[in-house]
Amino acid sequence: MQGTQSSTSHSVPSHGVSFGEAFRVWLRVAALSFGGPAGQIAVMHRILVEEKRWISESRFLHALNYCMLLPGPEAQQLATYVGWLMHRTRGGIMAGGLFILPGIIAIMGLSWIYALYGEVGFVAALFFGLKAAVLAIVLEAVVRIGKRALKNRILIGIAAAAFVAIFFLDAPFPLIILAAGLIGFLGGRANLQQFQVGGHGSQSAEESDNLLGEHLPDHARPSTGRSLRIAAVWLALWLVPVAALLLLLGGGNVFSQIAVFFSKMAMVTFGGAYAVLAYVAQQAVETYGWLQPGEMLDGLGMAETTPGPLIMVLQFVGFMAAFRDAGALHPLLAGTLGGLLATWVTFAPCFLWIFLGAPYIEVLRGNRSLSGALTAITAAVVGVILNLAIWFGIHTIFRDVRPVEWGIFNFDAPVWGSVNLWALLLSAAAIVAMFRLHVGMLPTLAATSAAGIALYTAGIIT
C-alpha cells in the first residue's frame, strides 16, 4: 500500500503506519473538522477508510456505533478509538487530542474578543447575524437526523415523546436518554425489527483491503488488570482536580461550580452536542446566571464556525462564568482558567470511555441489544434537538418570553409583540439558503454575519 512505508523499521507497527505518519494524518483530520459531527465523521471516513485504507468499512461503523452510545462528542471519540486501534493508548491520546486542539485555540480567542468587545456595536452585530444561521443549522440537524433515525412509527413515537417530555414537562434530559436506551435495549434483545434499522451507511466496501485487517490486535484484547489500571489513571485525571477545587475553594466558588457542572454534563451528553445544549443553556442562564439567553446562541455560533466538536461551546460558557465572577483574579485570567477547566472535565472522560470500553466492544460486533439501544437513543435525540431548535428560535426572533404553567405543563412562550423583524428576516433567509438553495453551512454563516454588520453600519440595528 503506497504511503505507508517508513525508514524507521523497528518502530513501525505490523500494519505499516508509523506514529509520525499517523500524526500528520490526524492533524489533517483536525484541520478539516468543520460541519458538526456528520461532517466530521464523513471527513474521517473519507481519509481513514477510502483514502488511507487504515481500517475496513465495517470496523469503522462498529466503532462509530459504540461512540454513538457514549456520552460525549461521537466524532472526537471515534478519532480516539481509531487512533487507539492503530497505535495503542498514545495513538488514541494523539488522535483525540489533536481533534479538539484547533477548537480549543479558536474558541479561547473568540471568547477573549467577545468578553472584551461583545457589547460594542460592531461585534454585537456580527453575532446578531450569526444567530440567524445557527437557527437554520439546528433545524437542518433535526431534519437530517430525523430522516436517518425515524424509520418506523415506534421510533417516531419515541422522538415525539422525548420532545413533549423535555419541552412541555421539563423532564431531565438524562432520564429521557436512559428511558429510550432501555426501551431500545429490550427491543433489540427481543429481536424486534423496529429497533434494528442501522443508519450509518453501507457495508459494501472491500473488507479485506485495509492495513489493520480484521484480526484483533494484541493490545485490544480485554484484560481485567489493564481495565482496572486504565480506570484508576483516567478517573484520577478527571476527578482529582474537581475534588481539589471543592476542598480548597468550597462548593460555592465559580471554579468548583464549573468543575462539578461540566463533569455532570460529561456523563449525560448522549447523542451529540445538540441534544444537551438546551439543558446546558437552561442551567447556565436560569440556575447559575452565567449567561444571558442570547449569549448561548453567540457561543454556539462560535463553535459552528470553528473546527472541532460543537460541544466546545462549553469552553465559552466556562470562560464567561469565571470572567464575570473572577474574585481576586484578573477577569481575563479567570475566564481563561474557567474555559480550560470546562474543557478538561468535558473531554477527560471521553478518553476514559474509549480506553476502558473499546477492548470489550471489539469482541461484540453485531450485538442486537446494543444496536437497539443506539437506535432508540438516536430517535429520542431527534425530539430533544427539535426542542433545542424551538428554544433557540424563540430567543432569536423574540426579545421577550414569558413562563407558562398549566397543570403538569411548564414552558416558555414568546411574547408576540416583541418580535425582532430583522432577526426574523435573517433567520428566514438562512433557512431558505440552506434548505431550498442547498448553500453550505460556512457560506450561510458568513452571509448572515455580513448582513448583521451591514445592518449595524447602516444604523438599522444598534
Protein backbone atom coordinates (compact mmCIF):
# COMPACT_ATOMS: atom_id res chain seq x y z
CA MET A 1 0.00 0.00 0.00
CA GLN A 2 1.50 3.32 -1.05
CA GLY A 3 2.21 5.96 1.55
CA THR A 4 2.76 3.54 4.39
CA GLN A 5 6.48 2.89 4.09
CA SER A 6 8.81 4.19 6.78
CA SER A 7 12.55 4.33 7.18
CA THR A 8 12.26 3.66 10.91
CA SER A 9 11.91 -0.10 10.68
CA HIS A 10 11.65 -1.36 14.25
CA SER A 11 9.21 1.32 15.46
CA VAL A 12 6.60 0.73 12.74
CA PRO A 13 3.63 -1.48 13.77
CA SER A 14 2.67 -4.51 11.70
CA HIS A 15 0.09 -2.51 9.73
CA GLY A 16 2.90 -0.31 8.40
CA VAL A 17 1.67 3.13 9.52
CA SER A 18 4.31 4.92 11.59
CA PHE A 19 3.39 7.14 14.52
CA GLY A 20 4.80 10.15 12.65
CA GLU A 21 2.67 9.48 9.58
CA ALA A 22 -0.38 9.00 11.80
CA PHE A 23 0.34 12.35 13.47
CA ARG A 24 0.26 14.09 10.08
CA VAL A 25 -2.98 12.36 9.10
CA TRP A 26 -4.72 13.20 12.39
CA LEU A 27 -3.53 16.80 12.10
CA ARG A 28 -5.19 16.93 8.70
CA VAL A 29 -8.40 15.43 10.09
CA ALA A 30 -8.39 18.05 12.87
CA ALA A 31 -7.91 20.92 10.43
CA LEU A 32 -10.90 19.73 8.38
CA SER A 33 -13.23 19.01 11.31
CA PHE A 34 -15.89 21.58 10.43
CA GLY A 35 -19.57 20.95 9.89
CA GLY A 36 -20.66 19.26 13.09
CA PRO A 37 -20.48 15.52 13.80
CA ALA A 38 -21.94 14.47 10.44
CA GLY A 39 -19.30 16.42 8.53
CA GLN A 40 -16.50 15.34 10.87
CA ILE A 41 -17.42 11.66 10.60
CA ALA A 42 -17.62 12.00 6.82
CA VAL A 43 -14.12 13.52 6.73
CA MET A 44 -12.70 10.70 8.84
CA HIS A 45 -14.43 8.08 6.71
CA ARG A 46 -13.06 9.58 3.51
CA ILE A 47 -9.50 9.83 4.82
CA LEU A 48 -9.20 6.73 7.02
CA VAL A 49 -11.36 4.21 5.13
CA GLU A 50 -11.36 5.31 1.49
CA GLU A 51 -8.09 7.17 1.03
CA LYS A 52 -5.61 5.69 3.52
CA ARG A 53 -7.45 2.36 3.93
CA TRP A 54 -6.32 2.05 7.54
CA ILE A 55 -9.45 0.16 8.64
CA SER A 56 -12.41 -1.51 6.97
CA GLU A 57 -15.86 -0.04 6.49
CA SER A 58 -17.45 -2.50 8.92
CA ARG A 59 -14.87 -1.80 11.64
CA PHE A 60 -15.30 1.95 11.20
CA LEU A 61 -19.08 1.63 11.56
CA HIS A 62 -18.76 -0.71 14.53
CA ALA A 63 -16.57 1.83 16.33
CA LEU A 64 -18.98 4.64 15.39
CA ASN A 65 -21.96 2.73 16.77
CA TYR A 66 -20.18 2.37 20.12
CA CYS A 67 -19.28 6.07 20.17
CA MET A 68 -22.90 6.96 19.43
CA LEU A 69 -23.92 5.11 22.60
CA LEU A 70 -21.43 7.02 24.75
CA PRO A 71 -21.85 10.38 26.44
CA GLY A 72 -19.71 12.99 24.75
CA PRO A 73 -18.87 14.05 21.17
CA GLU A 74 -19.04 10.96 19.00
CA ALA A 75 -16.65 12.25 16.31
CA GLN A 76 -13.87 13.01 18.81
CA GLN A 77 -14.36 9.64 20.47
CA LEU A 78 -14.31 7.92 17.09
CA ALA A 79 -10.96 9.56 16.35
CA THR A 80 -9.69 8.38 19.75
CA TYR A 81 -10.98 4.84 19.07
CA VAL A 82 -9.30 4.54 15.66
CA GLY A 83 -6.10 6.14 16.97
CA TRP A 84 -6.09 3.56 19.80
CA LEU A 85 -6.68 0.69 17.38
CA MET A 86 -3.76 1.80 15.22
CA HIS A 87 -1.19 2.91 17.84
CA ARG A 88 -2.40 1.86 21.28
CA THR A 89 -3.07 4.38 24.07
CA ARG A 90 -0.62 7.01 22.85
CA GLY A 91 -2.27 6.85 19.42
CA GLY A 92 -5.68 7.41 20.98
CA ILE A 93 -4.43 10.37 23.02
CA MET A 94 -2.80 11.86 19.93
CA ALA A 95 -5.85 11.43 17.68
CA GLY A 96 -8.40 12.59 20.25
CA GLY A 97 -6.21 15.43 21.49
CA LEU A 98 -5.41 16.80 18.05
CA PHE A 99 -9.09 16.61 17.13
CA ILE A 100 -10.01 19.20 19.79
CA LEU A 101 -6.85 21.33 19.82
CA PRO A 102 -7.83 23.71 16.95
CA GLY A 103 -11.23 24.26 18.58
CA ILE A 104 -9.69 24.99 21.99
CA ILE A 105 -7.43 27.67 20.49
CA ALA A 106 -10.14 29.20 18.31
CA ILE A 107 -12.88 29.29 20.95
CA MET A 108 -10.49 30.77 23.51
CA GLY A 109 -9.51 33.56 21.13
CA LEU A 110 -13.13 34.30 20.26
CA SER A 111 -14.10 34.24 23.95
CA TRP A 112 -11.49 36.91 24.68
CA ILE A 113 -12.83 39.06 21.84
CA TYR A 114 -16.41 38.52 22.97
CA ALA A 115 -15.64 39.33 26.61
CA LEU A 116 -13.75 42.49 25.70
CA TYR A 117 -15.85 43.76 22.81
CA GLY A 118 -19.11 41.78 22.83
CA GLU A 119 -21.12 44.78 23.93
CA VAL A 120 -19.57 47.00 21.26
CA GLY A 121 -21.92 47.52 18.35
CA PHE A 122 -19.76 46.02 15.60
CA VAL A 123 -19.11 42.73 17.41
CA ALA A 124 -22.71 42.56 18.66
CA ALA A 125 -23.90 43.00 15.04
CA LEU A 126 -21.62 40.17 13.93
CA PHE A 127 -23.16 37.81 16.47
CA PHE A 128 -26.65 39.10 15.67
CA GLY A 129 -26.13 37.74 12.17
CA LEU A 130 -24.59 34.51 13.42
CA LYS A 131 -27.69 33.64 15.44
CA ALA A 132 -29.88 33.57 12.35
CA ALA A 133 -27.67 31.00 10.64
CA VAL A 134 -27.33 28.94 13.83
CA LEU A 135 -31.11 28.58 13.96
CA ALA A 136 -31.12 27.25 10.38
CA ILE A 137 -28.25 24.87 11.21
CA VAL A 138 -30.08 23.41 14.19
CA LEU A 139 -33.26 22.96 12.13
CA GLU A 140 -31.21 21.22 9.44
CA ALA A 141 -29.82 18.89 12.10
CA VAL A 142 -33.38 17.96 13.13
CA VAL A 143 -34.28 17.12 9.52
CA ARG A 144 -31.02 15.30 8.74
CA ILE A 145 -31.00 13.12 11.84
CA GLY A 146 -34.76 12.62 11.65
CA LYS A 147 -34.59 11.22 8.12
CA ARG A 148 -31.88 8.81 9.17
CA ALA A 149 -33.31 7.76 12.53
CA LEU A 150 -37.11 7.74 12.30
CA LYS A 151 -37.71 4.75 10.04
CA ASN A 152 -40.95 3.49 11.60
CA ARG A 153 -43.86 4.54 13.81
CA ILE A 154 -42.32 3.27 17.04
CA LEU A 155 -39.23 5.43 16.57
CA ILE A 156 -41.36 8.42 15.56
CA GLY A 157 -43.32 7.88 18.78
CA ILE A 158 -40.13 7.81 20.86
CA ALA A 159 -39.00 11.09 19.26
CA ALA A 160 -42.39 12.73 19.88
CA ALA A 161 -42.46 11.54 23.49
CA ALA A 162 -38.95 12.89 24.06
CA PHE A 163 -39.94 16.30 22.66
CA VAL A 164 -43.09 16.54 24.81
CA ALA A 165 -41.19 15.42 27.91
CA ILE A 166 -38.38 17.97 27.62
CA PHE A 167 -40.28 20.94 26.14
CA PHE A 168 -43.62 20.82 27.93
CA LEU A 169 -42.89 18.77 31.06
CA ASP A 170 -39.34 19.98 31.78
CA ALA A 171 -38.22 16.36 32.21
CA PRO A 172 -34.49 15.86 32.91
CA PHE A 173 -32.54 15.10 29.75
CA PRO A 174 -30.58 12.17 31.26
CA LEU A 175 -33.85 10.48 32.24
CA ILE A 176 -35.16 10.78 28.67
CA ILE A 177 -31.99 9.22 27.23
CA LEU A 178 -31.90 6.42 29.81
CA ALA A 179 -35.56 5.57 29.18
CA ALA A 180 -35.05 5.49 25.40
CA GLY A 181 -31.90 3.40 25.75
CA LEU A 182 -33.69 0.88 27.96
CA ILE A 183 -36.62 0.60 25.53
CA GLY A 184 -34.22 0.06 22.64
CA PHE A 185 -32.10 -2.42 24.58
CA LEU A 186 -35.15 -4.53 25.41
CA GLY A 187 -36.48 -4.22 21.87
CA GLY A 188 -33.16 -5.29 20.41
CA ARG A 189 -32.91 -8.19 22.82
CA ALA A 190 -36.39 -9.30 21.74
CA ASN A 191 -35.21 -9.16 18.09
CA LEU A 192 -37.86 -6.59 17.14
CA GLN A 193 -37.14 -5.35 13.62
CA GLN A 194 -38.21 -1.80 14.51
CA PHE A 195 -35.05 -1.44 16.59
CA GLN A 196 -32.65 -2.87 14.00
CA VAL A 197 -32.70 -0.09 11.43
CA GLY A 198 -28.96 0.65 11.40
CA GLY A 199 -28.36 4.09 9.93
CA HIS A 200 -24.68 4.78 9.43
CA GLY A 201 -24.14 3.64 5.88
CA SER A 202 -23.48 0.62 3.76
CA GLN A 203 -21.00 -2.13 4.46
CA SER A 204 -20.19 -2.76 0.81
CA ALA A 205 -16.57 -1.61 0.92
CA GLU A 206 -13.81 -4.08 0.19
CA GLU A 207 -13.40 -5.52 3.68
CA SER A 208 -10.07 -7.20 3.02
CA ASP A 209 -8.33 -4.17 1.50
CA ASN A 210 -7.21 -2.37 4.66
CA LEU A 211 -3.98 -2.14 6.60
CA LEU A 212 -5.23 -3.11 10.06
CA GLY A 213 -7.06 -6.21 8.87
CA GLU A 214 -9.97 -7.86 10.63
CA HIS A 215 -7.98 -9.59 13.36
CA LEU A 216 -7.99 -8.38 16.97
CA PRO A 217 -4.71 -6.58 17.82
CA ASP A 218 -2.93 -7.80 20.95
CA HIS A 219 -3.47 -4.51 22.78
CA ALA A 220 -7.23 -4.66 22.01
CA ARG A 221 -7.81 -7.91 23.89
CA PRO A 222 -9.88 -7.38 27.08
CA SER A 223 -7.94 -7.67 30.35
CA THR A 224 -9.30 -7.11 33.84
CA GLY A 225 -5.96 -5.90 35.19
CA ARG A 226 -5.48 -3.50 32.33
CA SER A 227 -9.05 -2.20 32.71
CA LEU A 228 -8.52 -1.51 36.42
CA ARG A 229 -5.29 0.39 35.70
CA ILE A 230 -6.93 2.49 32.99
CA ALA A 231 -9.93 3.27 35.19
CA ALA A 232 -7.69 4.32 38.08
CA VAL A 233 -5.50 6.59 35.94
CA TRP A 234 -8.23 8.34 33.96
CA LEU A 235 -10.66 8.68 36.85
CA ALA A 236 -7.84 10.36 38.80
CA LEU A 237 -7.01 12.68 35.91
CA TRP A 238 -10.67 13.64 35.63
CA LEU A 239 -11.89 13.79 39.23
CA VAL A 240 -8.86 14.69 41.38
CA PRO A 241 -8.85 18.31 40.07
CA VAL A 242 -12.60 18.50 40.77
CA ALA A 243 -12.19 17.23 44.33
CA ALA A 244 -9.23 19.55 44.93
CA LEU A 245 -11.24 22.61 43.87
CA LEU A 246 -14.14 21.63 46.11
CA LEU A 247 -11.84 21.13 49.11
CA LEU A 248 -9.79 24.28 48.56
CA LEU A 249 -12.43 26.75 47.34
CA GLY A 250 -15.75 25.32 48.54
CA GLY A 251 -18.83 24.41 46.57
CA GLY A 252 -19.99 28.00 46.09
CA ASN A 253 -16.88 29.12 44.17
CA VAL A 254 -17.36 29.57 40.42
CA PHE A 255 -14.46 27.24 39.58
CA SER A 256 -15.93 24.50 41.77
CA GLN A 257 -19.31 25.02 40.13
CA ILE A 258 -17.75 24.80 36.65
CA ALA A 259 -15.86 21.62 37.56
CA VAL A 260 -18.89 19.88 39.05
CA PHE A 261 -21.46 21.03 36.49
CA PHE A 262 -19.44 20.14 33.40
CA SER A 263 -18.35 16.85 34.93
CA LYS A 264 -22.04 16.01 35.20
CA MET A 265 -22.56 17.09 31.59
CA ALA A 266 -19.73 14.79 30.51
CA MET A 267 -21.76 11.86 31.79
CA VAL A 268 -25.08 12.75 30.14
CA THR A 269 -24.18 14.24 26.73
CA PHE A 270 -25.64 11.31 24.79
CA GLY A 271 -26.44 11.81 21.14
CA GLY A 272 -24.06 14.68 20.42
CA ALA A 273 -23.89 18.29 21.49
CA TYR A 274 -27.23 19.44 20.06
CA ALA A 275 -29.05 17.04 22.37
CA VAL A 276 -27.67 18.50 25.60
CA LEU A 277 -27.20 22.18 24.75
CA ALA A 278 -30.78 23.07 25.65
CA TYR A 279 -30.18 21.67 29.13
CA VAL A 280 -26.80 23.43 29.44
CA ALA A 281 -28.35 26.70 28.28
CA GLN A 282 -31.18 26.39 30.77
CA GLN A 283 -28.82 25.75 33.68
CA ALA A 284 -26.23 28.36 32.67
CA VAL A 285 -28.87 31.04 32.15
CA GLU A 286 -31.55 30.32 34.74
CA THR A 287 -29.81 28.41 37.55
CA TYR A 288 -26.29 29.83 37.66
CA GLY A 289 -26.79 33.18 35.91
CA TRP A 290 -23.55 32.76 33.96
CA LEU A 291 -25.05 33.82 30.60
CA GLN A 292 -27.99 35.60 29.01
CA PRO A 293 -30.12 33.50 26.59
CA GLY A 294 -28.75 35.31 23.55
CA GLU A 295 -25.18 34.70 24.67
CA MET A 296 -25.62 30.94 24.49
CA LEU A 297 -26.55 31.42 20.85
CA ASP A 298 -23.44 33.53 20.35
CA GLY A 299 -21.30 30.75 21.80
CA LEU A 300 -22.98 28.19 19.57
CA GLY A 301 -22.25 30.40 16.57
CA MET A 302 -18.57 30.44 17.58
CA ALA A 303 -18.47 26.66 17.85
CA GLU A 304 -20.20 26.25 14.48
CA THR A 305 -17.62 28.42 12.70
CA THR A 306 -14.51 26.81 14.21
CA PRO A 307 -13.04 23.31 13.77
CA GLY A 308 -13.67 20.62 16.37
CA PRO A 309 -16.71 19.27 18.21
CA LEU A 310 -19.71 21.51 18.73
CA ILE A 311 -19.51 20.71 22.45
CA MET A 312 -16.53 23.10 22.52
CA VAL A 313 -19.20 25.74 23.19
CA LEU A 314 -18.91 24.62 26.82
CA GLN A 315 -15.47 26.23 26.94
CA PHE A 316 -17.13 29.56 26.10
CA VAL A 317 -19.68 29.01 28.87
CA GLY A 318 -16.92 28.24 31.39
CA PHE A 319 -14.96 31.26 30.22
CA MET A 320 -17.85 33.69 30.65
CA ALA A 321 -18.83 32.20 34.02
CA ALA A 322 -15.36 32.76 35.52
CA PHE A 323 -14.84 36.05 33.67
CA ARG A 324 -17.89 37.52 35.42
CA ASP A 325 -17.03 36.08 38.84
CA ALA A 326 -13.25 36.45 38.85
CA GLY A 327 -12.77 37.22 42.55
CA ALA A 328 -9.16 38.29 43.17
CA LEU A 329 -8.01 37.21 39.70
CA HIS A 330 -7.88 39.37 36.59
CA PRO A 331 -11.14 38.69 34.71
CA LEU A 332 -9.37 37.53 31.55
CA LEU A 333 -7.12 35.17 33.52
CA ALA A 334 -10.10 33.83 35.44
CA GLY A 335 -12.03 33.39 32.19
CA THR A 336 -9.15 31.56 30.55
CA LEU A 337 -8.81 29.20 33.51
CA GLY A 338 -12.57 28.68 33.64
CA GLY A 339 -12.72 27.84 29.95
CA LEU A 340 -9.81 25.40 30.14
CA LEU A 341 -11.31 23.78 33.26
CA ALA A 342 -14.64 23.26 31.48
CA THR A 343 -12.79 21.73 28.52
CA TRP A 344 -10.72 19.41 30.73
CA VAL A 345 -13.64 17.92 32.66
CA THR A 346 -15.64 17.64 29.42
CA PHE A 347 -13.06 15.68 27.44
CA ALA A 348 -11.05 13.71 30.04
CA PRO A 349 -13.97 11.26 30.44
CA CYS A 350 -14.08 10.75 26.65
CA PHE A 351 -10.66 9.09 26.77
CA LEU A 352 -11.77 7.00 29.75
CA TRP A 353 -14.84 5.65 27.90
CA ILE A 354 -12.75 4.64 24.88
CA PHE A 355 -9.69 3.15 26.57
CA LEU A 356 -11.83 1.28 29.10
CA GLY A 357 -14.65 0.07 26.87
CA ALA A 358 -13.19 -0.36 23.38
CA PRO A 359 -11.46 -3.71 24.05
CA TYR A 360 -14.78 -5.21 25.14
CA ILE A 361 -16.65 -3.59 22.25
CA GLU A 362 -14.18 -5.04 19.76
CA VAL A 363 -15.44 -8.53 20.62
CA LEU A 364 -19.14 -7.54 20.48
CA ARG A 365 -19.66 -6.82 16.79
CA GLY A 366 -23.27 -7.21 15.70
CA ASN A 367 -24.78 -7.32 19.20
CA ARG A 368 -28.53 -6.77 18.77
CA SER A 369 -29.16 -5.30 22.23
CA LEU A 370 -26.54 -2.55 21.77
CA SER A 371 -27.85 -1.81 18.28
CA GLY A 372 -31.40 -1.50 19.62
CA ALA A 373 -30.32 0.90 22.37
CA LEU A 374 -28.46 3.05 19.82
CA THR A 375 -31.49 3.17 17.53
CA ALA A 376 -33.89 4.26 20.28
CA ILE A 377 -31.48 6.85 21.75
CA THR A 378 -30.96 8.37 18.30
CA ALA A 379 -34.74 8.64 17.88
CA ALA A 380 -35.11 10.36 21.27
CA VAL A 381 -32.29 12.73 20.34
CA VAL A 382 -34.34 13.94 17.34
CA GLY A 383 -37.08 15.08 19.73
CA VAL A 384 -34.56 16.75 22.02
CA ILE A 385 -32.93 18.59 19.12
CA LEU A 386 -36.36 19.79 17.96
CA ASN A 387 -36.81 21.23 21.46
CA LEU A 388 -33.44 22.95 21.11
CA ALA A 389 -34.41 24.41 17.74
CA ILE A 390 -37.65 25.84 19.13
CA TRP A 391 -35.87 27.21 22.22
CA PHE A 392 -33.23 28.90 20.03
CA GLY A 393 -35.89 30.18 17.64
CA ILE A 394 -37.91 31.78 20.42
CA HIS A 395 -34.88 33.52 21.89
CA THR A 396 -33.52 34.59 18.50
CA ILE A 397 -36.69 36.01 16.94
CA PHE A 398 -38.43 37.39 20.05
CA ARG A 399 -36.99 39.88 22.50
CA ASP A 400 -39.15 38.67 25.41
CA VAL A 401 -40.62 35.36 26.61
CA ARG A 402 -42.98 34.54 29.45
CA PRO A 403 -43.19 31.34 31.53
CA VAL A 404 -46.38 29.30 31.15
CA GLU A 405 -47.51 26.93 33.91
CA TRP A 406 -50.66 24.91 33.26
CA GLY A 407 -51.10 21.76 35.32
CA ILE A 408 -48.14 19.49 34.62
CA PHE A 409 -47.03 21.67 31.70
CA ASN A 410 -44.22 24.17 32.20
CA PHE A 411 -42.59 26.01 29.28
CA ASP A 412 -41.53 29.40 27.91
CA ALA A 413 -43.84 31.08 25.38
CA PRO A 414 -42.86 34.05 23.19
CA VAL A 415 -44.34 37.50 23.70
CA TRP A 416 -45.69 38.02 20.18
CA GLY A 417 -45.46 41.80 20.36
CA SER A 418 -41.69 41.58 20.95
CA VAL A 419 -40.80 40.05 17.58
CA ASN A 420 -37.48 41.29 16.14
CA LEU A 421 -38.28 41.81 12.47
CA TRP A 422 -34.67 41.80 11.23
CA ALA A 423 -33.84 38.68 13.20
CA LEU A 424 -36.93 37.02 11.69
CA LEU A 425 -35.95 38.04 8.14
CA LEU A 426 -32.33 36.93 8.53
CA SER A 427 -33.39 33.60 10.02
CA ALA A 428 -35.87 33.03 7.19
CA ALA A 429 -33.18 33.87 4.63
CA ALA A 430 -30.74 31.44 6.27
CA ILE A 431 -33.38 28.69 6.28
CA VAL A 432 -34.18 29.26 2.58
CA ALA A 433 -30.47 29.29 1.72
CA MET A 434 -29.73 26.00 3.46
CA PHE A 435 -32.95 24.07 2.77
CA ARG A 436 -34.02 25.30 -0.68
CA LEU A 437 -30.81 26.54 -2.28
CA HIS A 438 -28.55 23.96 -0.56
CA VAL A 439 -25.99 26.58 0.42
CA GLY A 440 -23.35 25.19 2.77
CA MET A 441 -23.09 25.95 6.48
CA LEU A 442 -19.98 28.15 6.32
CA PRO A 443 -21.18 30.36 3.42
CA THR A 444 -24.53 30.82 5.21
CA LEU A 445 -22.78 31.79 8.45
CA ALA A 446 -20.55 34.23 6.57
CA ALA A 447 -23.50 35.78 4.73
CA THR A 448 -25.69 36.31 7.80
CA SER A 449 -22.74 37.70 9.77
CA ALA A 450 -22.00 40.14 6.95
CA ALA A 451 -25.69 41.09 6.88
CA GLY A 452 -25.61 41.81 10.61
CA ILE A 453 -22.60 44.08 10.17
CA ALA A 454 -24.24 45.82 7.19
CA LEU A 455 -27.41 46.49 9.21
CA TYR A 456 -25.30 47.94 12.01
CA THR A 457 -23.28 50.10 9.62
CA ALA A 458 -26.49 51.41 8.08
CA GLY A 459 -27.80 52.31 11.54
CA ILE A 460 -30.74 49.90 11.27
CA ILE A 461 -29.72 47.88 14.35
CA THR A 462 -27.70 49.12 17.31
